[in-house]
Amino acid sequence: MKVEILFRPSYSIAKVLLDPNEGVVAESGAMVGMSTDLQVETKMRGDLLQSLARSVLGGESFFRQYLSRICQRR
């Protein structure tokens, strides 16, 4: 995984380059763009009460995005 921070200091964007079969977790709605070999899966982290507490008390998103690069063989 390689991470490059663009447009510093304000409106920063992290450009993440994943190796095949590698993944990253992001807040829901945080992704600006993606390549075609990326698989996106949105789900709760933990059970219902943990996600609800994290959302209400911590100000975090209820859902998380699990992004992984699909290894395509040619």
Protein backbone atom coordinates (compact mmCIF):
# COMPACT_ATOMS: atom_id res chain seq x y z
CA MET A 1 0.00 0.00 0.00
CA LYS A 2 1.23 3.46 -0.90
CA VAL A 3 -0.41 6.64 0.40
CA GLU A 4 0.15 10.10 -1.06
CA ILE A 5 -1.39 13.24 0.50
CA LEU A 6 -2.44 15.76 -2.17
CA PHE A 7 -3.53 19.43 -1.95
CA ARG A 8 -1.96 20.24 1.42
CA PRO A 9 -2.63 21.95 3.85
CA SER A 10 -6.36 22.54 3.26
CA TYR A 11 -8.78 20.27 1.35
CA SER A 12 -6.29 17.39 1.61
CA ILE A 13 -6.95 14.12 -0.21
CA ALA A 14 -5.22 10.81 0.46
CA LYS A 15 -4.44 8.94 -2.76
CA VAL A 16 -4.15 5.26 -1.80
CA LEU A 17 -2.55 2.74 -4.16
CA LEU A 18 -3.37 -0.83 -3.14
CA ASP A 19 -1.49 -3.96 -4.10
CA PRO A 20 -3.55 -6.93 -5.38
CA ASN A 21 -5.76 -8.49 -2.67
CA GLU A 22 -5.08 -5.62 -0.26
CA GLY A 23 -7.76 -3.50 1.42
CA VAL A 24 -8.51 -0.40 3.48
CA VAL A 25 -11.40 0.81 5.69
CA ALA A 26 -12.91 4.29 5.23
CA GLU A 27 -15.75 6.37 6.62
CA SER A 28 -18.94 6.15 4.60
CA GLY A 29 -18.98 8.88 1.95
CA ALA A 30 -15.25 9.62 2.25
CA MET A 31 -14.22 8.31 -1.19
CA VAL A 32 -13.87 10.84 -4.02
CA GLY A 33 -13.00 8.47 -6.88
CA MET A 34 -11.86 4.94 -7.61
CA SER A 35 -10.43 2.67 -10.29
CA THR A 36 -12.42 -0.14 -11.89
CA ASP A 37 -10.65 -2.98 -10.06
CA LEU A 38 -11.85 -1.87 -6.61
CA GLN A 39 -14.53 -3.76 -4.69
CA VAL A 40 -16.66 -1.67 -2.30
CA GLU A 41 -18.52 -3.26 0.61
CA THR A 42 -20.53 -1.17 3.09
CA LYS A 43 -21.45 -2.61 6.48
CA MET A 44 -21.59 -1.88 10.20
CA ARG A 45 -18.45 -2.28 12.27
CA GLY A 46 -19.40 -4.48 15.21
CA ASP A 47 -22.99 -5.18 16.18
CA LEU A 48 -25.97 -2.81 16.07
CA LEU A 49 -25.49 -1.31 19.54
CA GLN A 50 -21.75 -0.72 19.05
CA SER A 51 -22.33 1.03 15.72
CA LEU A 52 -25.16 3.10 17.18
CA ALA A 53 -23.05 4.17 20.18
CA ARG A 54 -20.11 5.05 17.93
CA SER A 55 -22.41 7.11 15.72
CA VAL A 56 -24.31 8.95 18.48
CA LEU A 57 -21.59 9.38 21.12
CA GLY A 58 -18.48 9.55 18.95
CA GLY A 59 -19.77 11.45 15.93
CA GLU A 60 -18.52 8.75 13.55
CA SER A 61 -20.43 7.24 10.65
CA PHE A 62 -22.83 4.38 11.39
CA PHE A 63 -21.55 2.44 8.37
CA ARG A 64 -17.99 1.78 7.18
CA GLN A 65 -16.74 1.20 3.65
CA TYR A 66 -14.44 -1.78 3.15
CA LEU A 67 -12.45 -1.19 -0.04
CA SER A 68 -10.31 -3.95 -1.54
CA ARG A 69 -8.47 -4.36 -4.81
CA ILE A 70 -9.52 -7.37 -6.85
CA CYS A 71 -6.65 -9.35 -8.38
CA GLN A 72 -7.55 -9.80 -12.05
CA ARG A 73 -5.61 -12.41 -13.97
CA ARG A 74 -5.11 -12.05 -17.70
